[in-house]
């Protein structure tokens, strides 16, 4: 039992590094600092609880929360890639897979395999749980951008069609959230925060 606990503790302390991985989106606060990936994971897991009624299909909330708490731990090695950077996103997939294998490999075998399977399910976004989790993961940066007057969209010259294309997966998990996402995009265009063409 002690060896099992030591492996779990080793991973727990390794995961502390996620607090140092900075994203492109700023928090909605007076200091306007960049959000870190650990904060993002907590925020999106909380969203799963708050918005469960808006999922397109019934979901297992416990599994969704696990997916959302695990989905970005791979950024410890791979870093955060700006979602609108198509070239970097292509390379990111392999880096993330290698990190997932490393991190889940630190755990007792059956626990590592179970969590690795949940992580892969999120990445594939085929199950109802994963579609809902992916929808939440995609809409929260949009919400933060909108509340920060389009901060990262403006900084990176993002276009309306990029946002709609990249975030279309929201519709697979929640029609209600996709409707909201489209409203956000239209408002951002009218405010000049997103380029219209």
Protein backbone atom coordinates (compact mmCIF):
# COMPACT_ATOMS: atom_id res chain seq x y z
CA UNK A 1 0.00 0.00 0.00
CA UNK A 2 2.78 2.47 0.80
CA UNK A 3 4.43 2.03 -2.62
CA UNK A 4 1.08 2.74 -4.29
CA UNK A 5 0.61 5.88 -2.21
CA UNK A 6 4.16 7.03 -2.98
CA UNK A 7 3.47 6.76 -6.73
CA UNK A 8 0.24 8.75 -6.36
CA UNK A 9 2.00 11.42 -4.29
CA UNK A 10 4.81 11.65 -6.85
CA UNK A 11 2.29 12.37 -9.60
CA UNK A 12 0.43 14.84 -7.41
CA UNK A 13 3.59 16.87 -6.86
CA UNK A 14 4.48 16.64 -10.58
CA UNK A 15 1.06 18.08 -11.39
CA UNK A 16 1.85 21.17 -9.33
CA UNK A 17 3.81 22.36 -12.38
CA UNK A 18 0.52 23.00 -14.17
CA UNK A 19 0.20 26.16 -12.06
CA UNK A 20 3.20 27.56 -13.95
CA UNK A 21 1.86 26.95 -17.47
CA UNK A 22 0.50 30.26 -18.74
CA UNK A 23 -2.32 30.48 -21.26
CA UNK A 24 -3.06 33.29 -23.73
CA UNK A 25 -6.27 34.33 -21.97
CA UNK A 26 -6.29 36.79 -19.11
CA UNK A 27 -8.27 36.32 -15.92
CA UNK A 28 -11.28 38.57 -15.36
CA UNK A 29 -9.81 40.66 -12.57
CA UNK A 30 -8.26 44.04 -11.98
CA UNK A 31 -4.68 42.87 -12.52
CA UNK A 32 -5.50 41.26 -15.87
CA UNK A 33 -2.72 38.70 -15.54
CA UNK A 34 -2.56 35.62 -17.76
CA UNK A 35 -4.52 32.61 -16.58
CA UNK A 36 -2.58 29.44 -15.82
CA UNK A 37 -3.65 25.96 -16.91
CA UNK A 38 -4.46 24.79 -13.38
CA UNK A 39 -6.89 27.68 -12.95
CA UNK A 40 -8.44 26.88 -16.32
CA UNK A 41 -8.94 23.23 -15.33
CA UNK A 42 -10.63 24.19 -12.06
CA UNK A 43 -12.85 26.76 -13.79
CA UNK A 44 -14.00 24.43 -16.55
CA UNK A 45 -14.66 21.57 -14.09
CA UNK A 46 -16.88 23.93 -12.09
CA UNK A 47 -18.68 24.83 -15.33
CA UNK A 48 -19.53 21.15 -15.79
CA UNK A 49 -21.49 21.25 -12.55
CA UNK A 50 -23.20 24.55 -13.27
CA UNK A 51 -24.22 23.86 -16.88
CA UNK A 52 -25.04 20.13 -16.83
CA UNK A 53 -28.67 20.88 -17.78
CA UNK A 54 -27.44 22.40 -21.05
CA UNK A 55 -25.68 19.25 -22.29
CA UNK A 56 -27.24 17.87 -25.47
CA UNK A 57 -27.40 14.37 -23.96
CA UNK A 58 -27.42 13.00 -20.42
CA UNK A 59 -23.87 12.87 -19.05
CA UNK A 60 -22.04 11.21 -16.17
CA UNK A 61 -20.94 14.34 -14.30
CA UNK A 62 -18.25 12.50 -12.35
CA UNK A 63 -16.58 11.34 -15.59
CA UNK A 64 -16.90 14.80 -17.16
CA UNK A 65 -15.22 16.41 -14.15
CA UNK A 66 -12.40 13.84 -14.29
CA UNK A 67 -11.88 14.63 -17.98
CA UNK A 68 -11.73 18.35 -17.33
CA UNK A 69 -9.35 18.06 -14.41
CA UNK A 70 -7.06 15.79 -16.46
CA UNK A 71 -7.36 17.22 -19.96
CA UNK A 72 -4.59 19.82 -19.77
CA UNK A 73 -2.09 18.14 -17.46
CA UNK A 74 -0.12 17.28 -20.60
CA UNK A 75 0.74 20.97 -20.92
CA UNK A 76 3.34 20.40 -18.18
CA UNK A 77 5.65 19.07 -20.92
CA UNK A 78 3.93 20.25 -24.10
CA UNK A 79 3.06 23.80 -23.04
CA UNK A 80 -0.10 25.62 -24.03
CA UNK A 81 -0.64 26.14 -27.74
CA UNK A 82 -2.73 29.07 -28.93
CA UNK A 83 -5.83 27.40 -30.35
CA UNK A 84 -5.85 29.62 -33.46
CA UNK A 85 -2.25 28.70 -34.38
CA UNK A 86 -2.91 25.89 -36.88
CA UNK A 87 0.75 24.97 -37.43
CA UNK A 88 1.62 24.68 -33.74
CA UNK A 89 -1.58 22.72 -33.07
CA UNK A 90 -0.48 19.98 -35.49
CA UNK A 91 2.75 19.40 -33.55
CA UNK A 92 1.03 19.65 -30.18
CA UNK A 93 -0.86 16.37 -30.46
CA UNK A 94 2.28 14.19 -30.38
CA UNK A 95 3.86 16.20 -27.55
CA UNK A 96 0.70 15.84 -25.48
CA UNK A 97 0.46 12.10 -26.08
CA UNK A 98 4.06 11.60 -24.95
CA UNK A 99 3.44 13.63 -21.80
CA UNK A 100 0.22 11.72 -21.05
CA UNK A 101 2.11 8.44 -21.29
CA UNK A 102 4.80 9.77 -18.96
CA UNK A 103 2.43 11.20 -16.36
CA UNK A 104 -0.10 8.36 -16.24
CA UNK A 105 2.83 5.93 -16.26
CA UNK A 106 3.88 7.31 -12.88
CA UNK A 107 0.76 5.85 -11.25
CA UNK A 108 0.00 2.30 -10.16
CA UNK A 109 -0.68 0.48 -13.44
CA UNK A 110 -4.46 -0.01 -13.30
CA UNK A 111 -5.07 3.55 -12.06
CA UNK A 112 -2.77 4.99 -14.70
CA UNK A 113 -4.51 3.01 -17.43
CA UNK A 114 -7.96 4.14 -16.24
CA UNK A 115 -7.04 7.82 -16.18
CA UNK A 116 -5.16 7.59 -19.49
CA UNK A 117 -8.32 6.10 -21.05
CA UNK A 118 -10.39 9.01 -19.71
CA UNK A 119 -7.86 11.50 -21.12
CA UNK A 120 -7.96 9.77 -24.54
CA UNK A 121 -11.77 9.75 -24.48
CA UNK A 122 -11.76 13.52 -23.96
CA UNK A 123 -9.30 13.99 -26.82
CA UNK A 124 -11.42 11.85 -29.18
CA UNK A 125 -14.61 13.78 -28.25
CA UNK A 126 -16.95 10.99 -29.41
CA UNK A 127 -18.88 10.08 -26.25
CA UNK A 128 -21.61 12.30 -24.79
CA UNK A 129 -19.40 12.97 -21.75
CA UNK A 130 -16.45 14.00 -23.90
CA UNK A 131 -18.52 16.16 -26.24
CA UNK A 132 -19.95 18.06 -23.29
CA UNK A 133 -16.50 18.40 -21.67
CA UNK A 134 -15.00 19.64 -24.95
CA UNK A 135 -17.81 22.18 -25.35
CA UNK A 136 -17.02 23.64 -21.93
CA UNK A 137 -13.29 23.68 -22.63
CA UNK A 138 -13.89 25.63 -25.83
CA UNK A 139 -16.38 28.20 -24.55
CA UNK A 140 -14.59 29.38 -21.39
CA UNK A 141 -11.76 31.15 -23.28
CA UNK A 142 -14.42 32.81 -25.44
CA UNK A 143 -16.24 34.03 -22.34
CA UNK A 144 -13.03 35.38 -20.79
CA UNK A 145 -12.02 37.05 -24.05
CA UNK A 146 -15.43 38.65 -24.31
CA UNK A 147 -15.31 39.95 -20.73
CA UNK A 148 -11.80 41.28 -21.37
CA UNK A 149 -12.83 43.25 -24.48
CA UNK A 150 -11.44 40.66 -26.89
CA UNK A 151 -7.95 40.77 -25.37
CA UNK A 152 -6.26 37.74 -26.96
CA UNK A 153 -8.28 37.98 -30.17
CA UNK A 154 -7.06 41.55 -30.66
CA UNK A 155 -3.48 40.74 -29.63
CA UNK A 156 -3.27 37.96 -32.22
CA UNK A 157 -5.42 39.44 -35.00
CA UNK A 158 -8.01 36.66 -34.87
CA UNK A 159 -10.84 36.62 -37.42
CA UNK A 160 -14.49 35.75 -36.86
CA UNK A 161 -14.32 32.67 -39.12
CA UNK A 162 -11.33 31.31 -37.17
CA UNK A 163 -13.30 31.50 -33.93
CA UNK A 164 -16.38 29.86 -35.43
CA UNK A 165 -14.39 27.08 -37.10
CA UNK A 166 -12.21 26.22 -34.10
CA UNK A 167 -15.08 26.35 -31.63
CA UNK A 168 -17.77 24.58 -33.67
CA UNK A 169 -17.32 21.52 -31.43
CA UNK A 170 -19.28 23.39 -28.77
CA UNK A 171 -22.41 22.55 -30.75
CA UNK A 172 -21.72 18.80 -30.43
CA UNK A 173 -21.88 19.01 -26.64
CA UNK A 174 -24.36 21.81 -26.00
CA UNK A 175 -26.61 23.59 -28.47
CA UNK A 176 -27.43 26.21 -25.82
CA UNK A 177 -23.74 27.04 -25.32
CA UNK A 178 -23.14 27.10 -29.08
CA UNK A 179 -25.98 29.61 -29.46
CA UNK A 180 -24.31 31.72 -26.75
CA UNK A 181 -20.92 31.36 -28.44
CA UNK A 182 -22.32 32.68 -31.70
CA UNK A 183 -23.81 35.67 -29.86
CA UNK A 184 -20.40 36.34 -28.31
CA UNK A 185 -18.76 36.25 -31.74
CA UNK A 186 -21.29 38.62 -33.29
CA UNK A 187 -20.93 41.04 -30.39
CA UNK A 188 -17.12 40.85 -30.58
CA UNK A 189 -17.25 41.69 -34.30
CA UNK A 190 -19.56 44.65 -33.70
CA UNK A 191 -17.23 45.91 -30.94
CA UNK A 192 -14.19 45.55 -33.22
CA UNK A 193 -12.57 42.87 -31.06
CA UNK A 194 -12.68 40.27 -33.84
CA UNK A 195 -11.95 40.88 -37.49
CA UNK A 196 -15.07 40.37 -39.60
CA UNK A 197 -13.36 38.94 -42.70
